[in-house]
Protein backbone atom coordinates (compact mmCIF):
# COMPACT_ATOMS: atom_id res chain seq x y z
CA ASP A 1 -0.01 -0.01 0.00
CA LEU A 2 1.05 3.56 -0.62
CA PRO A 3 2.24 5.30 2.58
CA LYS A 4 -0.52 7.43 3.96
CA SER A 5 1.93 10.23 4.74
CA LYS A 6 2.41 10.90 1.03
CA GLY A 7 -0.69 13.03 0.61
CA TRP A 8 -4.33 12.62 -0.11
CA ARG A 9 -5.44 9.87 -2.48
CA ALA A 10 -8.83 9.65 -4.08
CA PRO A 11 -10.82 6.72 -2.56
CA ARG A 12 -11.81 3.95 -4.95
CA ASP A 13 -15.49 4.87 -4.66
CA ALA A 14 -14.96 8.60 -5.12
CA SER A 15 -17.84 10.18 -6.95
CA VAL A 16 -17.35 11.85 -10.29
CA THR A 17 -18.56 15.44 -10.68
CA ALA A 18 -20.77 16.64 -13.49
CA ALA A 19 -17.82 18.49 -14.94
CA GLY A 20 -15.97 15.20 -15.36
CA GLY A 21 -13.49 15.48 -12.48
CA SER A 22 -13.44 13.41 -9.32
CA ALA A 23 -14.70 14.77 -6.03
CA ASP A 24 -12.34 17.30 -4.49
CA PRO A 25 -9.83 16.07 -1.94
CA PRO A 26 -10.86 16.72 1.63
CA GLY A 27 -10.25 20.30 2.69
CA ARG A 28 -9.63 21.54 -0.84
CA ARG A 29 -12.01 23.48 -3.10
CA ALA A 30 -12.21 23.32 -6.87
CA ALA A 31 -10.97 26.89 -7.07
CA ASP A 32 -7.73 25.80 -5.34
CA TRP A 33 -7.06 23.36 -8.15
CA ALA A 34 -8.24 25.50 -11.05
CA GLY A 35 -5.73 28.31 -10.74
CA GLY A 36 -4.08 28.30 -7.37
CA ILE A 37 -0.74 26.86 -8.49
CA GLY A 38 1.96 29.53 -8.22
CA PRO A 39 5.56 29.47 -9.46
CA GLU A 40 7.31 26.34 -8.27
CA ILE A 41 10.93 25.35 -8.42
CA VAL A 42 11.04 22.39 -10.78
CA ALA A 43 14.09 20.24 -11.20
CA THR A 44 14.94 19.40 -14.77
CA VAL A 45 18.03 17.64 -16.01
CA ALA A 46 20.84 18.20 -18.39
CA TRP A 47 23.60 15.92 -19.55
CA SER A 48 27.16 16.87 -18.80
CA ARG A 49 30.15 15.52 -20.67
CA HIS A 50 30.68 13.22 -17.67
CA GLY A 51 27.28 11.56 -18.13
CA ARG A 52 25.82 13.06 -14.97
CA LEU A 53 22.18 14.01 -14.63
CA GLU A 54 22.62 17.51 -13.24
CA SER A 55 19.90 19.56 -11.57
CA ARG A 56 18.86 22.80 -13.24
CA MET A 57 16.19 25.06 -11.75
CA SER A 58 13.28 26.64 -13.52
CA HIS A 59 10.29 28.69 -12.44
CA SER A 60 8.33 28.30 -15.70
CA ALA A 61 4.59 27.93 -15.25
CA LYS A 62 4.50 25.71 -18.38
CA ASP A 63 6.02 22.94 -16.28
CA HIS A 64 2.55 22.47 -14.82
CA ASP A 65 0.58 22.53 -18.06
CA LEU A 66 1.86 19.93 -20.56
CA ASP A 67 0.79 18.45 -23.83
CA LEU A 68 2.17 15.13 -22.65
CA ALA A 69 3.24 13.66 -19.27
CA VAL A 70 5.27 10.49 -19.45
CA VAL A 71 5.44 8.65 -16.10
CA GLY A 72 8.37 6.30 -15.59
CA GLY A 73 12.03 6.81 -16.36
CA GLY A 74 13.00 3.36 -17.55
CA VAL A 75 13.63 2.38 -21.15
CA ALA A 76 9.95 2.57 -22.22
CA GLY A 77 9.31 5.98 -20.74
CA ALA A 78 12.62 7.46 -21.93
CA TYR A 79 12.00 6.09 -25.44
CA VAL A 80 8.47 7.56 -25.64
CA ALA A 81 9.72 10.92 -24.49
CA TYR A 82 12.69 10.85 -26.90
CA ARG A 83 10.65 9.80 -29.94
CA LEU A 84 7.77 12.20 -29.37
CA GLY A 85 10.19 14.99 -28.58
CA ILE A 86 11.39 14.58 -32.18
CA ARG A 87 8.07 13.88 -33.84
CA ARG A 88 6.02 16.45 -31.92
CA PRO A 89 8.39 19.42 -31.51
CA ASP A 90 5.41 21.67 -30.87
CA TRP A 91 4.39 19.72 -27.78
CA SER A 92 5.52 20.48 -24.20
CA ILE A 93 6.55 17.12 -22.78
CA GLY A 94 7.60 16.14 -19.26
CA LEU A 95 9.22 12.83 -18.23
CA PHE A 96 8.52 12.09 -14.56
CA GLU A 97 10.52 9.58 -12.51
CA GLY A 98 9.80 8.63 -8.93
CA SER A 99 13.39 7.89 -8.02
CA ASP A 100 16.52 10.02 -8.32
CA ARG A 101 17.87 8.33 -11.45
CA ILE A 102 16.92 7.44 -14.97
CA GLY A 103 17.35 3.79 -15.84
CA GLY A 104 14.52 1.63 -14.44
CA ARG A 105 15.57 -2.02 -14.33
CA LEU A 106 18.92 -1.32 -16.14
CA LEU A 107 21.64 -0.64 -13.57
CA SER A 108 25.32 -0.74 -14.60
CA LEU A 109 28.20 -0.26 -12.22
CA ARG A 110 31.72 0.56 -13.40
CA PHE A 111 34.74 -0.57 -11.46
CA PRO A 112 38.09 1.22 -11.87
CA GLY A 113 40.56 -0.72 -13.88
CA VAL A 114 37.93 -2.98 -15.50
CA ASP A 115 37.46 -1.62 -18.97
CA ARG A 116 34.63 -2.27 -21.44
CA VAL A 117 32.56 -4.38 -19.04
CA ARG A 118 30.16 -3.38 -16.28
CA ALA A 119 28.62 -5.09 -13.30
CA GLU A 120 25.12 -5.36 -14.71
CA LEU A 121 22.72 -5.52 -11.75
CA GLY A 122 19.71 -5.41 -14.13
CA GLY A 123 19.28 -6.45 -17.74
CA MET A 124 22.69 -7.24 -19.20
CA ARG A 125 22.37 -8.01 -22.93
CA TYR A 126 20.24 -7.88 -26.08
CA ARG A 127 20.20 -9.78 -29.34
CA THR A 128 20.94 -8.42 -32.79
CA SER A 129 17.84 -10.26 -34.08
CA GLN A 130 15.78 -7.88 -31.93
CA PRO A 131 15.19 -5.06 -34.40
CA LEU A 132 14.12 -2.18 -32.13
CA VAL A 133 16.95 -2.29 -29.61
CA SER A 134 19.54 -3.09 -32.33
CA GLY A 135 18.33 -0.18 -34.48
CA LEU A 136 18.19 2.18 -31.51
CA THR A 137 21.76 1.51 -30.34
CA GLU A 138 22.97 2.23 -33.90
CA GLU A 139 20.82 5.40 -34.14
CA LEU A 140 22.27 6.70 -30.88
CA GLY A 141 25.81 5.73 -31.79
CA LEU A 142 26.33 3.58 -28.64
CA GLU A 143 29.41 1.32 -28.69
CA THR A 144 28.61 -2.37 -28.24
CA ARG A 145 30.60 -5.54 -27.71
CA PRO A 146 29.92 -9.27 -27.83
CA PHE A 147 28.31 -10.87 -24.77
CA LEU A 148 29.34 -14.52 -25.07
CA THR A 149 28.70 -16.99 -22.29
CA VAL A 150 28.40 -20.38 -24.01
CA HIS A 151 31.53 -22.42 -23.47
CA ASP A 152 32.25 -26.11 -23.25
CA ASP A 153 33.95 -25.54 -19.91
CA ASN A 154 30.89 -23.90 -18.32
CA ARG A 155 30.13 -25.85 -15.18
CA PHE A 156 27.22 -27.55 -13.48
CA PHE A 157 27.24 -28.33 -9.79
CA ILE A 158 23.94 -29.98 -8.95
CA ARG A 159 22.96 -32.78 -6.54
CA GLY A 160 26.47 -32.86 -5.25
CA ALA A 161 27.91 -33.70 -8.67
CA ARG A 162 30.04 -31.63 -11.06
CA TRP A 163 30.18 -31.81 -14.83
CA ARG A 164 31.06 -29.60 -17.80
CA PHE A 165 28.64 -28.22 -20.36
CA GLY A 166 30.62 -30.03 -23.02
CA ASP A 167 30.04 -33.41 -21.26
CA PRO A 168 26.24 -33.70 -20.99
CA HIS A 169 26.37 -37.49 -20.84
CA GLU A 170 27.67 -37.05 -17.28
CA ALA A 171 24.21 -35.87 -16.25
CA GLY A 172 23.01 -39.44 -16.71
CA ASN A 173 24.94 -40.30 -13.58
CA VAL A 174 23.04 -37.63 -11.64
CA TYR A 175 19.50 -37.87 -13.01
CA ARG A 176 17.49 -41.05 -13.74
CA LEU A 177 16.87 -40.07 -17.37
CA ASP A 178 15.10 -42.25 -19.96
CA GLU A 179 17.18 -43.25 -22.93
CA PRO A 180 15.85 -40.52 -25.29
CA GLU A 181 16.68 -37.90 -22.65
CA ARG A 182 20.28 -38.95 -22.19
CA GLY A 183 23.32 -37.32 -23.78
CA LEU A 184 21.62 -33.91 -24.19
CA SER A 185 22.39 -30.66 -22.47
CA PRO A 186 19.49 -29.09 -20.53
CA GLY A 187 18.92 -26.69 -23.39
CA GLU A 188 18.95 -29.41 -26.00
CA LEU A 189 16.46 -31.53 -24.05
CA LEU A 190 14.22 -28.46 -23.55
CA VAL A 191 14.13 -27.81 -27.33
CA ALA A 192 13.36 -31.49 -27.95
CA ALA A 193 10.48 -31.24 -25.47
CA PHE A 194 9.16 -28.16 -27.30
CA GLU A 195 9.25 -30.13 -30.57
CA HIS A 196 6.96 -32.74 -28.97
CA ILE A 197 4.60 -30.04 -27.83
CA VAL A 198 4.63 -27.93 -31.01
CA PRO A 199 6.16 -29.85 -33.91
CA GLY A 200 8.21 -27.47 -36.02
CA GLY A 201 8.02 -24.79 -33.34
CA SER A 202 11.74 -24.04 -33.49
CA THR A 203 11.43 -22.80 -37.09
CA LYS A 204 8.16 -20.96 -36.83
CA ILE A 205 8.15 -17.23 -37.68
CA ASP A 206 6.24 -14.57 -35.69
CA ASP A 207 2.99 -14.83 -37.69
CA GLU A 208 2.94 -18.59 -37.35
CA TRP A 209 3.44 -18.33 -33.64
CA LEU A 210 0.59 -15.79 -33.38
CA ALA A 211 -1.69 -18.33 -35.04
CA ALA A 212 -0.43 -21.02 -32.63
CA LYS A 213 -1.12 -18.80 -29.64
CA ARG A 214 -4.69 -18.35 -30.84
CA GLU A 215 -5.64 -21.78 -32.06
CA TYR A 216 -3.03 -24.54 -31.54
CA ARG A 217 -4.15 -27.40 -29.37
CA PHE A 218 -1.86 -29.82 -27.50
CA GLN A 219 -3.45 -33.05 -26.40
CA GLY A 220 -6.87 -31.61 -27.26
CA ARG A 221 -6.49 -28.44 -25.21
CA LEU A 222 -5.58 -24.96 -26.35
CA LEU A 223 -1.88 -24.49 -25.74
CA ARG A 224 -2.38 -21.11 -24.14
CA HIS A 225 -4.41 -22.81 -21.37
CA TRP A 226 -1.44 -24.97 -20.46
CA SER A 227 1.22 -23.73 -18.07
CA LEU A 228 4.71 -24.38 -19.40
CA GLY A 229 5.41 -26.62 -16.36
CA GLU A 230 2.35 -28.75 -17.15
CA ALA A 231 3.25 -29.04 -20.80
CA LEU A 232 6.85 -30.12 -20.04
CA ALA A 233 5.62 -32.69 -17.51
CA ALA A 234 3.44 -34.17 -20.24
CA VAL A 235 6.36 -34.97 -22.55
CA LEU A 236 9.30 -35.52 -20.15
CA THR A 237 9.88 -37.87 -17.25
CA GLU A 238 9.93 -36.19 -13.88
CA GLU A 239 13.70 -36.55 -13.71
CA GLY A 240 14.01 -35.16 -17.23
CA ARG A 241 11.92 -32.14 -16.28
CA ARG A 242 13.99 -31.58 -13.17
CA TYR A 243 17.16 -31.81 -15.22
CA VAL A 244 15.94 -29.14 -17.61
CA VAL A 245 14.75 -26.84 -14.83
CA ASP A 246 17.88 -27.25 -12.74
CA GLY A 247 20.12 -26.75 -15.75
CA PHE A 248 18.27 -23.74 -16.99
CA GLY A 249 19.19 -22.01 -13.76
CA TYR A 250 15.89 -20.27 -13.01
CA ALA A 251 13.42 -21.59 -10.43
CA THR A 252 10.35 -19.98 -11.96
CA LEU A 253 10.80 -19.38 -15.71
CA LEU A 254 9.76 -22.88 -16.80
CA ASP A 255 6.73 -23.28 -14.57
CA GLU A 256 3.57 -21.23 -14.10
CA ARG A 257 3.40 -19.26 -17.31
CA ASN A 258 1.38 -19.39 -20.53
CA ALA A 259 2.99 -22.16 -22.62
CA ALA A 260 1.93 -20.65 -25.93
CA ASP A 261 3.83 -17.44 -25.12
CA ALA A 262 6.67 -19.06 -23.20
CA ILE A 263 7.89 -21.47 -25.85
CA PRO A 264 8.79 -18.89 -28.54
CA TRP A 265 10.17 -16.71 -25.78
CA VAL A 266 12.60 -19.47 -24.69
CA LEU A 267 13.46 -20.49 -28.25
CA ILE A 268 15.11 -17.14 -28.93
CA GLU A 269 17.99 -18.65 -26.92
CA THR A 270 18.50 -21.29 -29.59
CA ARG A 271 19.56 -18.64 -32.10
CA PRO A 272 23.31 -18.20 -32.71
CA GLU A 273 25.09 -16.91 -29.61
CA SER A 274 26.90 -14.38 -31.82
CA GLU A 275 23.67 -12.39 -31.69
CA ASN A 276 24.30 -11.61 -28.04
CA ARG A 277 25.71 -8.10 -27.43
CA THR A 278 25.85 -5.52 -24.73
CA LEU A 279 26.79 -1.84 -24.36
CA VAL A 280 30.42 -1.06 -23.58
CA ASP A 281 29.26 1.67 -21.18
CA GLY A 282 26.67 -0.62 -19.62
CA MET A 283 23.01 -1.24 -20.52
CA GLU A 284 21.95 1.62 -18.27
CA ARG A 285 23.56 4.00 -20.80
CA LEU A 286 20.61 3.39 -23.17
CA PRO A 287 17.80 5.00 -21.12
CA ARG A 288 20.16 7.70 -19.87
CA GLU A 289 21.17 8.59 -23.42
CA LEU A 290 17.54 8.72 -24.50
CA ALA A 291 16.78 11.10 -21.62
CA ALA A 292 19.77 13.21 -22.51
CA ARG A 293 18.70 13.51 -26.17
CA PHE A 294 15.15 14.33 -25.03
CA THR A 295 16.41 17.04 -22.72
CA ALA A 296 18.67 18.46 -25.43
CA SER A 297 15.62 18.79 -27.73
CA GLY A 298 13.77 20.92 -25.13
CA GLY A 299 12.04 18.24 -23.05
CA ARG A 300 12.02 18.22 -19.24
CA VAL A 301 13.02 15.37 -17.01
CA LEU A 302 11.72 15.67 -13.44
CA LEU A 303 13.24 13.28 -10.86
CA GLU A 304 11.87 12.24 -7.48
CA ARG A 305 8.30 12.72 -8.69
CA GLU A 306 6.26 9.65 -7.75
CA LEU A 307 2.78 9.70 -9.33
CA LEU A 308 0.23 9.02 -6.60
CA TRP A 309 -2.95 9.38 -8.58
CA PHE A 310 -4.45 11.19 -11.51
CA ASP A 311 -7.91 12.30 -12.57
CA LEU A 312 -9.66 14.24 -15.26
CA ALA A 313 -8.77 17.91 -15.29
CA LEU A 314 -11.35 20.22 -13.82
CA ALA A 315 -13.79 22.26 -15.90
CA GLY A 316 -12.10 24.70 -18.22
CA ALA A 317 -8.96 22.50 -18.64
CA ARG A 318 -8.29 19.61 -20.96
CA GLY A 319 -6.80 16.23 -20.21
CA PHE A 320 -5.71 15.12 -16.76
CA ARG A 321 -4.58 16.40 -13.38
CA LEU A 322 -1.68 14.43 -11.99
CA HIS A 323 -0.82 14.44 -8.31
CA PHE A 324 2.84 13.76 -7.47
CA ASP A 325 4.68 13.12 -4.24
CA GLY A 326 7.60 15.48 -4.34
CA GLY A 327 6.15 18.23 -6.51
CA PRO A 328 3.11 20.33 -7.48
CA ASP A 329 0.18 18.98 -9.43
CA VAL A 330 0.52 18.91 -13.18
CA THR A 331 -2.13 19.24 -15.90
CA ALA A 332 -1.44 17.22 -19.04
CA ARG A 333 -3.55 16.70 -22.13
CA ARG A 334 -2.14 13.17 -22.52
CA VAL A 335 -0.61 10.69 -20.07
CA VAL A 336 1.69 7.72 -20.71
CA LEU A 337 2.14 5.26 -17.83
CA ALA A 338 5.49 3.60 -18.67
CA VAL A 339 5.71 1.51 -15.55
CA PRO A 340 5.74 -2.23 -14.58
CA ARG A 341 2.70 -4.08 -13.28
CA ARG A 342 3.38 -3.35 -9.57
CA SER A 343 3.65 0.38 -10.07
CA LEU A 344 0.59 0.34 -12.35
CA GLU A 345 -1.40 -1.41 -9.60
CA ARG A 346 -0.31 1.19 -7.03
CA ILE A 347 -1.50 4.01 -9.30
CA ARG A 348 -4.77 2.21 -10.17
CA ASP A 349 -5.59 1.64 -6.46
CA SER A 350 -5.73 5.44 -5.96
CA THR A 351 -7.14 6.46 -9.29
CA PRO A 352 -10.89 5.89 -9.79
CA LEU A 353 -10.60 6.46 -13.51
CA LEU A 354 -8.74 3.11 -13.75
CA GLY A 355 -11.21 1.23 -11.60
CA GLY A 356 -13.49 -0.04 -14.37
CA SER A 357 -13.56 -1.15 -17.99
CA GLY A 358 -11.92 -4.46 -17.15
CA ILE A 359 -8.62 -2.67 -16.53
CA GLY A 360 -7.96 -4.80 -13.48
CA SER A 361 -8.12 -8.02 -15.54
CA LEU A 362 -5.80 -6.52 -18.15
CA ILE A 363 -3.25 -5.58 -15.49
CA GLY A 364 -3.58 -8.99 -13.88
CA SER A 365 -2.99 -10.92 -17.15
CA VAL A 366 0.75 -11.09 -16.31
CA THR A 367 2.70 -12.17 -13.23
CA GLY A 368 5.90 -10.59 -12.07
CA HIS A 369 8.83 -12.75 -11.06
CA ALA A 370 11.24 -11.39 -8.48
CA ALA A 371 14.97 -11.92 -8.92
CA ALA A 372 18.14 -10.65 -7.32
CA LYS A 373 21.77 -10.13 -8.26
CA LEU A 374 24.92 -10.14 -6.13
CA SER A 375 28.11 -8.88 -7.76
CA PHE A 376 31.70 -8.81 -6.52
CA ALA A 377 34.87 -7.11 -7.69
CA TYR A 378 38.19 -8.84 -6.96
CA GLU A 379 41.81 -7.77 -7.39
CA ARG A 380 42.36 -10.62 -9.83
CA PRO A 381 40.25 -13.33 -11.58
CA TRP A 382 41.10 -16.05 -9.03
CA TRP A 383 38.73 -18.53 -10.67
CA ARG A 384 41.14 -18.97 -13.58
CA GLU A 385 43.76 -20.12 -11.06
CA VAL A 386 41.56 -23.00 -10.00
CA GLY A 387 40.96 -24.23 -13.56
CA VAL A 388 37.71 -22.57 -14.58
CA GLY A 389 37.91 -21.88 -18.35
CA GLY A 390 34.24 -21.14 -18.99
CA MET A 391 32.06 -18.10 -18.56
CA ARG A 392 29.21 -19.43 -16.40
CA ALA A 393 28.39 -21.92 -13.70
CA VAL A 394 24.91 -23.18 -12.73
CA SER A 395 24.38 -24.78 -9.34
CA ASP A 396 21.64 -25.74 -6.92
CA LEU A 397 23.31 -23.61 -4.27
CA SER A 398 21.72 -20.27 -3.49
CA LEU A 399 24.13 -18.80 -5.97
CA SER A 400 22.12 -20.36 -8.78
CA LYS A 401 23.93 -18.80 -11.72
CA THR A 402 27.48 -17.42 -11.50
CA TYR A 403 29.06 -15.43 -14.34
CA TYR A 404 32.79 -14.78 -14.81
CA PHE A 405 33.32 -11.33 -16.39
CA ASP A 406 37.07 -11.10 -16.82
CA LYS A 407 37.51 -11.98 -20.46
CA ARG A 408 35.79 -8.90 -21.89
CA ASP A 409 36.28 -8.74 -25.68
CA GLY A 410 39.20 -11.10 -25.80
CA PRO A 411 41.68 -13.05 -23.63
CA GLY A 412 41.45 -12.61 -19.90
CA SER A 413 43.79 -10.38 -17.92
CA GLY A 414 45.35 -10.51 -14.52
CA GLY A 415 43.98 -7.18 -13.31
CA PRO A 416 40.78 -6.42 -11.39
CA ALA A 417 37.88 -8.62 -12.43
CA LEU A 418 34.12 -8.77 -11.93
CA LEU A 419 32.13 -11.80 -10.79
CA LEU A 420 28.32 -11.95 -10.86
CA ALA A 421 28.38 -14.27 -7.90
CA SER A 422 24.60 -14.89 -7.89
CA TYR A 423 21.81 -14.34 -10.36
CA CYS A 424 18.79 -15.97 -8.81
CA ASP A 425 15.04 -16.12 -8.43
CA GLY A 426 12.61 -18.13 -6.32
CA PRO A 427 13.81 -19.58 -2.99
CA SER A 428 17.44 -18.62 -3.74
CA ARG A 429 16.46 -14.99 -4.09
CA ASP A 430 14.56 -15.22 -0.81
CA ALA A 431 17.68 -16.60 0.88
CA TRP A 432 19.85 -13.62 -0.15
CA CYS A 433 17.18 -11.08 0.72
CA SER A 434 17.00 -12.58 4.23
CA LEU A 435 20.64 -11.62 4.68
CA SER A 436 20.31 -8.10 3.39
CA GLU A 437 20.52 -5.10 5.67
CA ARG A 438 18.71 -2.87 3.17
CA SER A 439 15.13 -2.79 2.01
CA GLY A 440 14.27 -1.20 -1.32
CA PHE A 441 16.63 0.84 -3.40
CA PRO A 442 19.21 3.30 -2.05
CA PRO A 443 19.52 6.91 -3.22
CA ASP A 444 21.53 6.95 -6.46
CA PRO A 445 22.02 10.46 -7.84
CA GLU A 446 25.50 9.69 -9.14
CA SER A 447 26.80 9.80 -12.67
CA LEU A 448 26.83 6.64 -14.66
CA ASP A 449 30.58 6.02 -14.07
CA SER A 450 30.78 7.08 -10.44
CA ASP A 451 32.78 4.71 -8.20
CA GLN A 452 30.51 5.73 -5.29
CA ARG A 453 27.63 3.69 -6.69
CA TRP A 454 29.30 0.51 -5.38
CA GLU A 455 29.03 1.93 -1.86
CA ARG A 456 25.38 2.74 -2.31
CA TYR A 457 24.49 -0.79 -3.43
CA ALA A 458 26.97 -2.60 -1.16
CA ALA A 459 26.04 -6.13 0.00
CA SER A 460 25.82 -6.83 3.71
CA ALA A 461 28.62 -8.59 5.61
CA ASP A 462 26.41 -11.65 5.98
CA GLN A 463 25.72 -11.82 2.27
CA ILE A 464 29.42 -11.51 1.45
CA ALA A 465 30.40 -14.22 3.96
CA GLU A 466 27.74 -16.68 2.75
CA ALA A 467 28.56 -16.07 -0.91
CA GLN A 468 32.26 -16.59 -0.26
CA ARG A 469 31.45 -19.87 1.51
CA GLN A 470 29.38 -21.07 -1.45
CA LEU A 471 31.96 -19.94 -3.95
CA ARG A 472 34.58 -22.03 -2.13
CA ASP A 473 32.19 -25.00 -2.29
CA LEU A 474 31.39 -24.40 -5.96
CA HIS A 475 35.07 -24.17 -6.94
CA GLN A 476 36.41 -26.78 -4.53
CA THR A 477 39.02 -24.42 -3.05
CA GLN A 478 39.61 -22.55 0.16
CA GLU A 479 41.94 -20.05 -1.54
CA ILE A 480 39.46 -17.28 -2.45
CA PRO A 481 40.45 -13.67 -1.75
CA GLU A 482 38.01 -11.29 -0.18
CA PRO A 483 36.13 -9.11 -2.64
CA ILE A 484 37.23 -5.47 -2.85
CA ALA A 485 33.71 -4.29 -3.65
CA SER A 486 30.25 -5.73 -3.65
CA ALA A 487 26.73 -4.81 -4.80
CA PHE A 488 23.33 -6.37 -4.23
CA VAL A 489 19.94 -5.57 -5.82
CA ASP A 490 16.56 -7.18 -5.24
CA TRP A 491 14.24 -6.38 -8.13
CA GLY A 492 11.28 -7.76 -6.19
CA ALA A 493 11.23 -4.62 -4.08
CA ASP A 494 8.90 -1.68 -4.78
CA PRO A 495 8.39 0.15 -7.04
CA PHE A 496 9.32 -2.59 -9.54
CA GLY A 497 7.88 -5.61 -7.80
CA ALA A 498 9.59 -7.95 -10.25
CA ALA A 499 12.62 -8.39 -12.43
CA TRP A 500 10.53 -9.58 -15.38
CA HIS A 501 6.96 -10.56 -16.17
CA VAL A 502 5.26 -13.52 -17.85
CA TRP A 503 1.86 -14.09 -19.42
CA ASN A 504 -0.50 -16.12 -17.24
CA PRO A 505 -2.01 -19.39 -18.53
CA GLY A 506 -5.22 -18.62 -20.39
CA ALA A 507 -4.26 -15.05 -21.22
CA ARG A 508 -4.93 -13.84 -24.77
CA SER A 509 -1.70 -11.88 -24.97
CA TRP A 510 -2.38 -10.35 -28.35
CA GLU A 511 -5.75 -9.00 -27.16
CA VAL A 512 -4.37 -7.63 -23.90
CA MET A 513 -1.55 -5.82 -25.67
CA ALA A 514 -3.99 -4.25 -28.07
CA ARG A 515 -6.32 -3.09 -25.28
CA ILE A 516 -3.91 -2.05 -22.52
CA VAL A 517 -2.03 0.33 -24.77
CA GLN A 518 -5.03 2.65 -24.38
CA PRO A 519 -7.20 1.14 -21.67
CA LEU A 520 -9.70 3.99 -21.72
CA PRO A 521 -10.45 4.34 -25.42
CA ALA A 522 -12.21 7.71 -25.06
CA LEU A 523 -9.25 9.25 -23.15
CA GLU A 524 -5.64 9.79 -24.14
CA CYS A 525 -4.21 7.69 -21.39
CA PHE A 526 -1.65 5.10 -22.55
CA VAL A 527 0.27 2.22 -20.93
CA CYS A 528 3.58 0.69 -22.01
CA GLY A 529 6.44 -1.30 -20.65
CA GLU A 530 8.13 -4.72 -20.76
CA SER A 531 5.28 -6.23 -18.72
CA TYR A 532 2.82 -6.27 -21.62
CA SER A 533 4.87 -7.41 -24.61
CA TRP A 534 5.98 -10.50 -26.44
CA SER A 535 9.59 -9.96 -25.43
CA GLN A 536 9.04 -9.82 -21.68
CA GLY A 537 12.23 -9.55 -19.65
CA TRP A 538 14.08 -7.94 -22.54
CA VAL A 539 14.73 -4.30 -23.45
CA GLU A 540 13.14 -5.16 -26.76
CA GLY A 541 9.88 -5.90 -24.96
CA ALA A 542 9.90 -2.37 -23.39
CA LEU A 543 10.56 -0.85 -26.80
CA GLU A 544 7.90 -2.93 -28.55
CA SER A 545 5.27 -1.66 -26.08
CA ALA A 546 6.58 1.91 -26.20
CA GLU A 547 6.56 1.98 -29.98
CA ARG A 548 2.84 1.05 -29.98
CA VAL A 549 2.22 4.18 -27.84
CA VAL A 550 4.35 6.34 -30.12
CA GLU A 551 2.36 5.14 -33.12
CA ARG A 552 -0.92 6.11 -31.43
CA LEU A 553 0.41 9.64 -30.76
CA THR A 554 1.88 10.40 -34.15
């Protein structure tokens, strides 16, 4: 629930006035809202040559009367603001972000001495087969590099046994697999299972998958009514299913989600690994660069402005009245809510306008999955000293997935190195959160390359000690140096509520996406974000959804 100290919120059953606005907040008269807003110091942002979002001050009254208010400073919101700033140069546009940084679920930390690679605490890659993000990075001139993690010497440590990715037959000594399931890597067995569920699925194009989502039946039942976990259980032995889930490294991604949407989502990982790329300056550079370009074109970015509720503007004004924590009310002719499901729910709970028209069922058509990341910096890549030649390890420890980020674009070096010690969801994420001394997200007003960001996101002493213990177990050595820096983020915390989202079984994803983009057809209120896309969990998904909004407004 929203903290009650943050100001008045319209009750869910608030009456609607004849003029179209909601009932006035207690103790306030309509006249107070109609013209009582005086000059207000409004923080906007500019981009310095160091990449810092710097505060500038303005007293312009037009900050409170906009053609478009974009709420949410992640990729989707920054993209909408950037694109419409170009296509609608006559519009006054404001980009409002509740925190003190632009970036959303992209968060990239730079460590001194580690060049061309970042500790990615949020999304960490994209694929060149994803047209929107690939085209956007080229348009913005952002430098990219390969992001390669497939290697025969990648390791598995599950059920007390160890084997290499290049030796999948060893898994037969750990799992009681049927003969057809033996000799395959977890990914290969997963693709084979998909072929049993949807023959030819690995070669289907988008239009063919759309038809399958609508009509395809598996064992006499529409595929979209199956959860992915159910479908896999129907074609694999229980040990085979466990092998796939354990080896995939995620506790939740192969379970309770719409099978018709999940299968093509997972199959993108079967494309050539050479498609995987990341930004040299970190993935967070993308939304920050979009915001910088938007600001340079005359747009305004306002930080620490959490939207609490909005309503129809009062008589004599067009559009909406938006009430923010941390700033004055704003009138906008159009509103874009570029936020994940959790934030959208929080806004809806205090906004009677969003209480009907089946909006609740649209919002609830997806489920958010929480995940956490724990990153360390070391003085040297000690894992190479104990024989690790790969780029990733998957275990049934709370670490779940461990990534070795010392090789960068080429051979490894002996200098400082980054280790993503744990990338986890489900019970493993819960375990790390229980050791955290911090709830939510810390203040982060720093520039993209500031060393101080490591201190802000620092892991607790208990998290570091437990991770070091598990890393010794994973690598069968007691000779592990102490990390010289650490960072921990739990994306399950508010305001995000999840690291990624999935379509629920039974959801008609194509219909939800078409409706939620403008949930109130008679009003210019729009919704976008990764949550409601076909590329959920990817930057591409945020851009897909944002582009639908841009098309409506141009």
